[in-house]
Amino acid sequence: MPLQQRLLLLCGALVAMLMVVNKIKKDKILMVDSIFWVVSSVVMMVVAAVPELAIAFSHILGFQSPSNFVFFCVVGFLFVKVFSDSAEISLLKNRVDELTQELALMDVGDTSHTDETNGSDQDESR
């Protein structure tokens, strides 16, 4: 891998790491989610520092070039992340629906209680 590409990959990984650290400091990302991105950044730094690892794995697994192997790994890695985020979003949507229904039932209960109270006040004044 040419030195320019290695430096570019290293800089990209460093910027990604700094962005994650910044989000963690501002409490704009959960620690669980940040671990994924920190590990991704570290892996990118390792590949940039030691490209022989990507070359060796690409030959072992039968890829024509190391870049194909790296792209395959990144796409697979992101596919897993999107799937896990999708599953989490589905659970959160269900939870929002449940909370909305509970809140609606609480509002209906409060409204009927208020109507009963208003009705009894009117009866006493007559």
N, C-alpha and C. Protein backbone atom coordinates (compact mmCIF):
# COMPACT_ATOMS: atom_id res chain seq x y z
N MET A 1 0.86 -1.17 0.00
CA MET A 1 0.00 0.00 0.00
C MET A 1 0.91 1.24 0.00
N PRO A 2 0.66 2.14 -0.92
CA PRO A 2 1.50 3.35 -1.00
C PRO A 2 1.41 4.18 0.28
N LEU A 3 2.47 4.91 0.56
CA LEU A 3 2.56 5.69 1.78
C LEU A 3 1.44 6.73 1.87
N GLN A 4 1.07 7.33 0.74
CA GLN A 4 0.00 8.33 0.75
C GLN A 4 -1.33 7.72 1.21
N GLN A 5 -1.63 6.52 0.72
CA GLN A 5 -2.87 5.86 1.13
C GLN A 5 -2.83 5.49 2.61
N ARG A 6 -1.68 5.04 3.07
CA ARG A 6 -1.55 4.69 4.48
C ARG A 6 -1.76 5.92 5.37
N LEU A 7 -1.16 7.05 4.97
CA LEU A 7 -1.33 8.28 5.74
C LEU A 7 -2.77 8.76 5.71
N LEU A 8 -3.42 8.66 4.55
CA LEU A 8 -4.81 9.05 4.42
C LEU A 8 -5.71 8.19 5.32
N LEU A 9 -5.48 6.89 5.31
CA LEU A 9 -6.26 5.98 6.15
C LEU A 9 -6.01 6.27 7.62
N LEU A 10 -4.76 6.53 7.98
CA LEU A 10 -4.42 6.85 9.36
C LEU A 10 -5.07 8.16 9.81
N CYS A 11 -5.04 9.17 8.96
CA CYS A 11 -5.68 10.46 9.28
C CYS A 11 -7.20 10.29 9.40
N GLY A 12 -7.80 9.53 8.50
CA GLY A 12 -9.24 9.28 8.56
C GLY A 12 -9.63 8.58 9.84
N ALA A 13 -8.84 7.60 10.24
CA ALA A 13 -9.12 6.87 11.48
C ALA A 13 -8.96 7.78 12.69
N LEU A 14 -7.96 8.64 12.64
CA LEU A 14 -7.72 9.56 13.75
C LEU A 14 -8.86 10.58 13.86
N VAL A 15 -9.32 11.09 12.74
CA VAL A 15 -10.45 12.03 12.74
C VAL A 15 -11.70 11.34 13.28
N ALA A 16 -11.94 10.12 12.85
CA ALA A 16 -13.11 9.37 13.34
C ALA A 16 -13.02 9.17 14.85
N MET A 17 -11.83 8.83 15.33
CA MET A 17 -11.63 8.64 16.77
C MET A 17 -11.88 9.93 17.53
N LEU A 18 -11.38 11.05 17.02
CA LEU A 18 -11.57 12.34 17.69
C LEU A 18 -13.05 12.74 17.70
N MET A 19 -13.76 12.45 16.62
CA MET A 19 -15.19 12.75 16.56
C MET A 19 -15.95 11.96 17.62
N VAL A 20 -15.61 10.69 17.76
CA VAL A 20 -16.29 9.84 18.76
C VAL A 20 -15.99 10.34 20.17
N VAL A 21 -14.73 10.65 20.43
CA VAL A 21 -14.35 11.14 21.76
C VAL A 21 -15.08 12.45 22.06
N ASN A 22 -15.20 13.32 21.07
CA ASN A 22 -15.91 14.58 21.24
C ASN A 22 -17.38 14.34 21.57
N LYS A 23 -18.01 13.40 20.87
CA LYS A 23 -19.42 13.07 21.14
C LYS A 23 -19.59 12.47 22.53
N ILE A 24 -18.62 11.68 22.95
CA ILE A 24 -18.69 11.08 24.29
C ILE A 24 -18.61 12.17 25.34
N LYS A 25 -17.70 13.12 25.16
CA LYS A 25 -17.55 14.21 26.14
C LYS A 25 -18.82 15.05 26.24
N LYS A 26 -19.52 15.23 25.12
CA LYS A 26 -20.74 16.03 25.13
C LYS A 26 -21.98 15.21 25.46
N ASP A 27 -21.80 13.93 25.78
CA ASP A 27 -22.91 13.01 26.08
C ASP A 27 -23.93 12.95 24.94
N LYS A 28 -23.45 12.91 23.71
CA LYS A 28 -24.33 12.82 22.56
C LYS A 28 -24.29 11.45 21.91
N ILE A 29 -23.59 10.51 22.54
CA ILE A 29 -23.54 9.14 22.04
C ILE A 29 -23.44 8.21 23.24
N LEU A 30 -24.13 7.10 23.15
CA LEU A 30 -24.08 6.12 24.23
C LEU A 30 -22.73 5.41 24.22
N MET A 31 -22.28 5.00 25.38
CA MET A 31 -21.00 4.33 25.49
C MET A 31 -20.98 3.05 24.66
N VAL A 32 -22.09 2.33 24.64
CA VAL A 32 -22.17 1.08 23.87
C VAL A 32 -21.95 1.35 22.38
N ASP A 33 -22.57 2.40 21.88
CA ASP A 33 -22.41 2.74 20.47
C ASP A 33 -21.01 3.26 20.18
N SER A 34 -20.44 3.97 21.12
CA SER A 34 -19.10 4.52 20.89
C SER A 34 -18.04 3.43 20.81
N ILE A 35 -18.26 2.34 21.52
CA ILE A 35 -17.29 1.23 21.48
C ILE A 35 -17.14 0.71 20.06
N PHE A 36 -18.24 0.58 19.35
CA PHE A 36 -18.19 0.11 17.96
C PHE A 36 -17.29 1.02 17.12
N TRP A 37 -17.47 2.33 17.27
CA TRP A 37 -16.72 3.27 16.43
C TRP A 37 -15.27 3.37 16.87
N VAL A 38 -15.00 3.25 18.15
CA VAL A 38 -13.61 3.27 18.61
C VAL A 38 -12.87 2.04 18.10
N VAL A 39 -13.51 0.88 18.19
CA VAL A 39 -12.89 -0.34 17.68
C VAL A 39 -12.66 -0.23 16.17
N SER A 40 -13.63 0.33 15.45
CA SER A 40 -13.46 0.52 14.01
C SER A 40 -12.27 1.41 13.70
N SER A 41 -12.13 2.48 14.45
CA SER A 41 -11.00 3.40 14.24
C SER A 41 -9.67 2.73 14.53
N VAL A 42 -9.63 1.95 15.60
CA VAL A 42 -8.39 1.25 15.95
C VAL A 42 -8.03 0.24 14.86
N VAL A 43 -9.02 -0.48 14.35
CA VAL A 43 -8.76 -1.45 13.28
C VAL A 43 -8.22 -0.74 12.04
N MET A 44 -8.81 0.42 11.71
CA MET A 44 -8.32 1.17 10.55
C MET A 44 -6.88 1.63 10.77
N MET A 45 -6.56 2.03 11.98
CA MET A 45 -5.19 2.46 12.29
C MET A 45 -4.20 1.30 12.16
N VAL A 46 -4.62 0.12 12.62
CA VAL A 46 -3.76 -1.07 12.52
C VAL A 46 -3.53 -1.43 11.05
N VAL A 47 -4.60 -1.39 10.25
CA VAL A 47 -4.46 -1.71 8.82
C VAL A 47 -3.55 -0.69 8.14
N ALA A 48 -3.66 0.58 8.55
CA ALA A 48 -2.80 1.61 7.96
C ALA A 48 -1.35 1.42 8.38
N ALA A 49 -1.14 1.05 9.64
CA ALA A 49 0.22 0.89 10.14
C ALA A 49 0.87 -0.40 9.66
N VAL A 50 0.07 -1.47 9.54
CA VAL A 50 0.60 -2.79 9.14
C VAL A 50 -0.24 -3.34 7.99
N PRO A 51 -0.06 -2.82 6.77
CA PRO A 51 -0.88 -3.29 5.65
C PRO A 51 -0.61 -4.74 5.26
N GLU A 52 0.48 -5.28 5.76
CA GLU A 52 0.80 -6.68 5.46
C GLU A 52 -0.27 -7.62 6.00
N LEU A 53 -0.95 -7.21 7.08
CA LEU A 53 -2.04 -8.04 7.61
C LEU A 53 -3.18 -8.16 6.59
N ALA A 54 -3.58 -7.05 6.01
CA ALA A 54 -4.65 -7.08 5.01
C ALA A 54 -4.20 -7.86 3.78
N ILE A 55 -2.95 -7.71 3.41
CA ILE A 55 -2.42 -8.44 2.24
C ILE A 55 -2.44 -9.94 2.52
N ALA A 56 -1.98 -10.34 3.71
CA ALA A 56 -1.93 -11.77 4.05
C ALA A 56 -3.34 -12.37 4.09
N PHE A 57 -4.28 -11.68 4.75
CA PHE A 57 -5.64 -12.21 4.83
C PHE A 57 -6.30 -12.25 3.46
N SER A 58 -6.02 -11.28 2.62
CA SER A 58 -6.63 -11.28 1.28
C SER A 58 -6.13 -12.47 0.46
N HIS A 59 -4.85 -12.80 0.60
CA HIS A 59 -4.32 -13.97 -0.13
C HIS A 59 -4.88 -15.27 0.44
N ILE A 60 -4.95 -15.36 1.76
CA ILE A 60 -5.46 -16.58 2.40
C ILE A 60 -6.91 -16.84 2.01
N LEU A 61 -7.72 -15.78 1.97
CA LEU A 61 -9.14 -15.92 1.68
C LEU A 61 -9.46 -15.87 0.18
N GLY A 62 -8.46 -15.66 -0.65
CA GLY A 62 -8.64 -15.74 -2.09
C GLY A 62 -9.12 -14.47 -2.77
N PHE A 63 -8.94 -13.33 -2.17
CA PHE A 63 -9.30 -12.07 -2.82
C PHE A 63 -8.21 -11.70 -3.82
N GLN A 64 -8.60 -11.05 -4.90
CA GLN A 64 -7.63 -10.68 -5.92
C GLN A 64 -6.71 -9.55 -5.48
N SER A 65 -7.23 -8.67 -4.66
CA SER A 65 -6.38 -7.58 -4.16
C SER A 65 -6.75 -7.27 -2.72
N PRO A 66 -5.81 -6.73 -1.97
CA PRO A 66 -6.09 -6.38 -0.58
C PRO A 66 -7.21 -5.34 -0.45
N SER A 67 -7.31 -4.44 -1.43
CA SER A 67 -8.37 -3.43 -1.34
C SER A 67 -9.75 -4.08 -1.42
N ASN A 68 -9.89 -5.11 -2.23
CA ASN A 68 -11.16 -5.84 -2.30
C ASN A 68 -11.49 -6.47 -0.94
N PHE A 69 -10.48 -7.01 -0.30
CA PHE A 69 -10.67 -7.61 1.02
C PHE A 69 -11.10 -6.56 2.04
N VAL A 70 -10.43 -5.41 2.02
CA VAL A 70 -10.76 -4.33 2.96
C VAL A 70 -12.19 -3.84 2.73
N PHE A 71 -12.57 -3.61 1.47
CA PHE A 71 -13.93 -3.18 1.16
C PHE A 71 -14.95 -4.21 1.61
N PHE A 72 -14.66 -5.48 1.37
CA PHE A 72 -15.55 -6.55 1.80
C PHE A 72 -15.74 -6.53 3.31
N CYS A 73 -14.65 -6.38 4.04
CA CYS A 73 -14.72 -6.34 5.51
C CYS A 73 -15.51 -5.13 5.99
N VAL A 74 -15.26 -3.97 5.39
CA VAL A 74 -15.97 -2.76 5.80
C VAL A 74 -17.46 -2.90 5.53
N VAL A 75 -17.82 -3.40 4.35
CA VAL A 75 -19.23 -3.57 4.01
C VAL A 75 -19.88 -4.57 4.98
N GLY A 76 -19.21 -5.66 5.26
CA GLY A 76 -19.74 -6.65 6.19
C GLY A 76 -19.89 -6.08 7.60
N PHE A 77 -18.89 -5.36 8.02
CA PHE A 77 -18.90 -4.73 9.34
C PHE A 77 -20.06 -3.75 9.46
N LEU A 78 -20.25 -2.92 8.46
CA LEU A 78 -21.34 -1.94 8.47
C LEU A 78 -22.71 -2.61 8.34
N PHE A 79 -22.76 -3.71 7.61
CA PHE A 79 -24.02 -4.46 7.49
C PHE A 79 -24.46 -4.97 8.86
N VAL A 80 -23.52 -5.49 9.63
CA VAL A 80 -23.83 -5.96 10.97
C VAL A 80 -24.30 -4.80 11.85
N LYS A 81 -23.63 -3.66 11.73
CA LYS A 81 -24.02 -2.48 12.52
C LYS A 81 -25.42 -2.00 12.15
N VAL A 82 -25.72 -1.93 10.86
CA VAL A 82 -27.04 -1.50 10.42
C VAL A 82 -28.11 -2.47 10.91
N PHE A 83 -27.83 -3.76 10.85
CA PHE A 83 -28.79 -4.75 11.32
C PHE A 83 -29.05 -4.60 12.81
N SER A 84 -28.00 -4.43 13.60
CA SER A 84 -28.19 -4.29 15.05
C SER A 84 -28.92 -2.99 15.37
N ASP A 85 -28.61 -1.92 14.65
CA ASP A 85 -29.33 -0.66 14.87
C ASP A 85 -30.79 -0.79 14.47
N SER A 86 -31.06 -1.51 13.39
CA SER A 86 -32.43 -1.72 12.95
C SER A 86 -33.23 -2.49 13.99
N ALA A 87 -32.61 -3.51 14.56
CA ALA A 87 -33.28 -4.29 15.60
C ALA A 87 -33.56 -3.42 16.83
N GLU A 88 -32.61 -2.58 17.19
CA GLU A 88 -32.80 -1.69 18.34
C GLU A 88 -33.90 -0.67 18.06
N ILE A 89 -33.93 -0.14 16.85
CA ILE A 89 -34.97 0.83 16.48
C ILE A 89 -36.34 0.19 16.53
N SER A 90 -36.45 -1.05 16.09
CA SER A 90 -37.74 -1.76 16.15
C SER A 90 -38.21 -1.90 17.59
N LEU A 91 -37.30 -2.27 18.48
CA LEU A 91 -37.67 -2.38 19.90
C LEU A 91 -38.10 -1.03 20.46
N LEU A 92 -37.40 0.02 20.09
CA LEU A 92 -37.74 1.35 20.59
C LEU A 92 -39.09 1.82 20.03
N LYS A 93 -39.39 1.49 18.77
CA LYS A 93 -40.69 1.84 18.20
C LYS A 93 -41.81 1.15 18.98
N ASN A 94 -41.61 -0.13 19.28
CA ASN A 94 -42.61 -0.86 20.07
C ASN A 94 -42.78 -0.22 21.44
N ARG A 95 -41.69 0.18 22.05
CA ARG A 95 -41.76 0.80 23.38
C ARG A 95 -42.49 2.14 23.31
N VAL A 96 -42.24 2.92 22.26
CA VAL A 96 -42.94 4.20 22.09
C VAL A 96 -44.44 3.96 21.93
N ASP A 97 -44.82 2.94 21.15
CA ASP A 97 -46.24 2.62 20.99
C ASP A 97 -46.87 2.25 22.33
N GLU A 98 -46.17 1.42 23.12
CA GLU A 98 -46.69 1.02 24.42
C GLU A 98 -46.86 2.22 25.34
N LEU A 99 -45.86 3.09 25.36
CA LEU A 99 -45.93 4.27 26.23
C LEU A 99 -47.03 5.23 25.77
N THR A 100 -47.21 5.36 24.47
CA THR A 100 -48.28 6.21 23.93
C THR A 100 -49.64 5.67 24.36
N GLN A 101 -49.82 4.36 24.28
CA GLN A 101 -51.08 3.75 24.68
C GLN A 101 -51.32 3.93 26.18
N GLU A 102 -50.27 3.74 26.99
CA GLU A 102 -50.41 3.93 28.43
C GLU A 102 -50.78 5.38 28.75
N LEU A 103 -50.13 6.32 28.08
CA LEU A 103 -50.40 7.73 28.31
C LEU A 103 -51.83 8.09 27.89
N ALA A 104 -52.27 7.51 26.78
CA ALA A 104 -53.65 7.77 26.34
C ALA A 104 -54.66 7.23 27.35
N LEU A 105 -54.39 6.06 27.89
CA LEU A 105 -55.28 5.49 28.90
C LEU A 105 -55.28 6.33 30.18
N MET A 106 -54.12 6.85 30.54
CA MET A 106 -54.05 7.70 31.72
C MET A 106 -54.83 8.99 31.50
N ASP A 107 -54.73 9.56 30.30
CA ASP A 107 -55.48 10.78 29.98
C ASP A 107 -56.98 10.52 30.00
N VAL A 108 -57.41 9.38 29.49
CA VAL A 108 -58.84 9.04 29.51
C VAL A 108 -59.31 8.89 30.95
N GLY A 109 -58.51 8.26 31.77
CA GLY A 109 -58.87 8.10 33.18
C GLY A 109 -58.94 9.43 33.90
N ASP A 110 -58.02 10.34 33.61
CA ASP A 110 -58.03 11.66 34.23
C ASP A 110 -59.23 12.47 33.77
N THR A 111 -59.58 12.37 32.51
CA THR A 111 -60.70 13.11 31.95
C THR A 111 -62.01 12.65 32.57
N SER A 112 -62.20 11.34 32.71
CA SER A 112 -63.45 10.84 33.29
C SER A 112 -63.54 11.21 34.77
N HIS A 113 -62.41 11.22 35.46
CA HIS A 113 -62.38 11.61 36.86
C HIS A 113 -62.72 13.10 37.00
N THR A 114 -62.21 13.92 36.12
CA THR A 114 -62.49 15.35 36.13
C THR A 114 -63.96 15.60 35.83
N ASP A 115 -64.54 14.88 34.89
CA ASP A 115 -65.95 15.03 34.56
C ASP A 115 -66.83 14.68 35.75
N GLU A 116 -66.46 13.60 36.46
CA GLU A 116 -67.24 13.19 37.62
C GLU A 116 -67.16 14.25 38.71
N THR A 117 -65.98 14.82 38.90
CA THR A 117 -65.81 15.85 39.92
C THR A 117 -66.60 17.09 39.56
N ASN A 118 -66.54 17.51 38.31
CA ASN A 118 -67.31 18.69 37.86
C ASN A 118 -68.80 18.45 37.99
N GLY A 119 -69.24 17.27 37.68
CA GLY A 119 -70.66 16.94 37.77
C GLY A 119 -71.15 16.98 39.20
N SER A 120 -70.35 16.48 40.16
CA SER A 120 -70.77 16.46 41.54
C SER A 120 -70.78 17.87 42.10
N ASP A 121 -69.88 18.73 41.66
CA ASP A 121 -69.87 20.12 42.12
C ASP A 121 -71.12 20.83 41.66
N GLN A 122 -71.55 20.54 40.44
CA GLN A 122 -72.74 21.19 39.91
C GLN A 122 -73.99 20.71 40.65
N ASP A 123 -74.01 19.43 41.03
CA ASP A 123 -75.17 18.91 41.75
C ASP A 123 -75.29 19.56 43.12
N GLU A 124 -74.17 19.81 43.80
CA GLU A 124 -74.21 20.40 45.13
C GLU A 124 -74.68 21.83 45.09
N SER A 125 -74.37 22.55 44.02
CA SER A 125 -74.75 23.96 43.93
C SER A 125 -76.23 24.12 43.64
N ARG A 126 -76.87 23.11 43.13
CA ARG A 126 -78.30 23.21 42.80
C ARG A 126 -79.11 23.03 43.99
